[in-house]
Protein backbone atom coordinates (compact mmCIF):
# COMPACT_ATOMS: atom_id res chain seq x y z
CA VAL A 1 0.00 0.00 0.00
CA ASN A 2 1.36 3.40 -0.97
CA SER A 3 -0.34 5.79 1.45
CA THR A 4 0.34 9.45 2.05
CA GLU A 5 1.50 10.78 5.41
CA LYS A 6 -1.83 12.59 5.80
CA PHE A 7 -3.81 9.41 5.20
CA LEU A 8 -1.69 7.45 7.67
CA PHE A 9 -2.12 10.16 10.30
CA GLN A 10 -5.82 10.93 9.85
CA ASP A 11 -7.36 7.64 8.74
CA PHE A 12 -5.10 5.24 10.59
CA GLY A 13 -3.03 6.78 13.40
CA GLN A 14 -5.83 8.87 14.89
CA THR A 15 -8.04 5.79 15.17
CA TRP A 16 -5.62 4.50 17.82
CA GLN A 17 -6.31 7.48 20.11
CA ILE A 18 -7.63 6.19 23.45
CA LYS A 19 -10.09 7.76 25.86
CA PRO A 20 -8.52 9.16 29.05
CA GLU A 21 -10.16 6.47 31.18
CA GLU A 22 -8.51 3.74 29.03
CA SER A 23 -4.97 4.86 29.88
CA LEU A 24 -2.75 2.25 31.54
CA PHE A 25 -0.21 4.83 32.75
CA ILE A 26 0.11 5.95 36.33
CA TYR A 27 0.24 9.73 36.64
CA GLU A 28 1.56 12.03 39.32
CA PRO A 29 -1.11 13.67 41.51
CA GLY A 30 -2.92 16.40 39.62
CA LEU A 31 -1.89 15.06 36.20
CA GLY A 32 -3.66 12.75 33.81
CA PRO A 33 -3.88 11.72 30.17
CA ASP A 34 -5.17 15.12 29.11
CA ASN A 35 -1.87 16.68 30.19
CA TYR A 36 -0.02 14.57 27.61
CA SER A 37 -2.56 14.40 24.80
CA HIS A 38 -3.06 17.07 22.17
CA PRO A 39 -5.81 15.74 19.88
CA GLY A 40 -5.98 19.00 17.91
CA HIS A 41 -2.31 18.84 16.92
CA ILE A 42 -1.69 18.28 13.23
CA PRO A 43 1.93 17.55 12.31
CA VAL A 44 3.80 19.07 9.39
CA PHE A 45 3.55 16.76 6.41
CA THR A 46 6.28 16.53 3.79
CA SER A 47 3.77 17.31 1.04
CA ASP A 48 2.98 20.66 2.71
CA LEU A 49 6.59 21.88 2.78
CA LYS A 50 7.97 24.35 0.27
CA ILE A 51 11.37 22.95 -0.68
CA SER A 52 13.64 25.50 -2.35
CA ALA A 53 16.00 24.75 -5.22
CA GLU A 54 18.92 25.46 -2.86
CA VAL A 55 17.70 22.82 -0.40
CA ARG A 56 17.06 20.31 -3.21
CA SER A 57 20.57 20.92 -4.54
CA ALA A 58 22.15 20.44 -1.09
CA CYS A 59 20.07 17.45 0.02
CA GLY A 60 19.59 15.54 -3.22
CA ASP A 61 16.89 12.94 -2.63
CA ASN A 62 17.60 12.43 1.09
CA THR A 63 14.16 12.68 2.72
CA ALA A 64 15.41 13.51 6.23
CA CYS A 65 17.56 16.33 4.89
CA LEU A 66 14.79 17.73 2.68
CA PHE A 67 12.21 17.64 5.47
CA ASP A 68 14.40 19.07 8.23
CA ALA A 69 15.92 21.80 6.04
CA ALA A 70 12.51 22.90 4.74
CA ALA A 71 10.74 22.63 8.12
CA THR A 72 13.39 24.68 9.93
CA ASN A 73 14.38 26.91 7.01
CA ASP A 74 17.99 25.91 7.76
CA THR A 75 19.91 23.82 5.22
CA ALA A 76 22.66 23.07 7.78
CA ILE A 77 20.14 21.28 10.01
CA GLY A 78 18.98 19.19 7.06
CA LEU A 79 22.54 18.30 6.11
CA ASN A 80 23.24 17.32 9.71
CA SER A 81 20.19 15.02 9.66
CA MET A 82 21.44 13.45 6.43
CA MET A 83 24.94 12.85 7.85
CA THR A 84 23.51 11.39 11.06
CA GLY A 85 21.38 9.00 9.02
CA LEU A 86 24.35 7.92 6.89
CA MET A 87 26.50 7.30 9.99
CA LEU A 88 23.74 5.22 11.57
CA GLU A 89 23.41 3.20 8.37
CA GLN A 90 27.16 2.52 8.35
CA GLU A 91 27.05 1.38 11.98
CA ARG A 92 24.07 -0.85 11.25
CA ASN A 93 25.98 -2.40 8.34
CA LEU A 94 29.05 -3.04 10.48
CA VAL A 95 27.04 -4.63 13.29
CA GLY A 96 25.25 -6.83 10.77
CA ASN A 97 28.50 -7.88 9.08
CA ALA A 98 29.26 -11.59 9.26
CA PRO A 99 32.74 -12.67 10.40
CA PRO A 100 35.29 -13.15 7.61
CA ASN A 101 35.97 -16.57 6.16
CA ILE A 102 39.60 -17.60 6.82
CA THR A 103 41.00 -20.58 4.97
CA GLY A 104 44.45 -22.14 4.88
CA ASP A 105 46.38 -25.21 5.89
CA PRO A 106 45.39 -26.12 9.46
CA ARG A 107 49.01 -27.18 10.12
CA ILE A 108 51.91 -24.81 10.75
CA ILE A 109 55.29 -26.44 10.12
CA ALA A 110 58.09 -24.67 11.99
CA PHE A 111 61.79 -25.33 12.61
CA LEU A 112 63.83 -23.74 15.38
CA GLY A 113 65.61 -20.60 14.19
CA LYS A 114 63.95 -20.64 10.76
CA PRO A 115 61.28 -18.23 9.47
CA VAL A 116 57.80 -19.68 9.09
CA LEU A 117 55.72 -18.94 6.04
CA TYR A 118 52.01 -19.44 6.52
CA THR A 119 49.53 -18.57 3.79
CA MET A 120 45.87 -17.93 4.45
CA VAL A 121 43.02 -16.49 2.44
CA VAL A 122 40.64 -14.08 4.14
CA ASN A 123 37.33 -13.17 2.49
CA ASP A 124 34.45 -11.09 3.74
CA ALA A 125 31.09 -12.10 2.26
CA ASP A 126 29.82 -8.54 2.76
CA GLU A 127 32.86 -7.18 0.88
CA PHE A 128 34.22 -5.15 3.80
CA ASN A 129 37.98 -4.63 4.05
CA VAL A 130 39.61 -7.05 6.49
CA THR A 131 42.57 -5.99 8.64
CA LEU A 132 44.77 -8.56 10.38
CA SER A 133 46.75 -7.54 13.46
CA PRO A 134 49.16 -9.54 15.62
CA MET A 135 48.02 -10.37 19.12
CA THR A 136 49.15 -7.91 21.76
CA GLY A 137 52.27 -9.18 23.48
CA ALA A 138 53.18 -11.63 20.70
CA GLN A 139 56.60 -13.12 21.51
CA LEU A 140 57.76 -13.51 17.92
CA PRO A 141 58.03 -10.88 15.21
CA VAL A 142 55.02 -11.13 12.95
CA THR A 143 54.86 -9.75 9.40
CA TYR A 144 52.10 -9.81 6.82
CA THR A 145 52.41 -9.75 3.08
CA PHE A 146 49.38 -9.04 0.92
């Protein structure tokens, strides 16, 4: 279903409004649901905003940037919203990244006083760069060749 913000607010969201006596919250003395409910409030909808050419040029098609810049009349706020969204997306991608697949000979053949060459292949299914680092406090010098 491709519904507008107005439709979702008026014909769907508002139908979930409860009566004050149906509230499950516990309020401080002298307060009640009416202190936290504003049934006459109508939010700003994206379709109602006047988006300038300058804002469109700065924000591209980023909805958060377009909305925030137009609603506040401040392009910097919109750009900040866009950058915050991009950073959150990057973090979400990193958290969702599967561990890399490491393959190689399970045996390491070493001789006293001789360098050891061990070859492994490291792949990341999500195509992230993989960095290998020696363990802290490693007793032997460790080098990597890629």
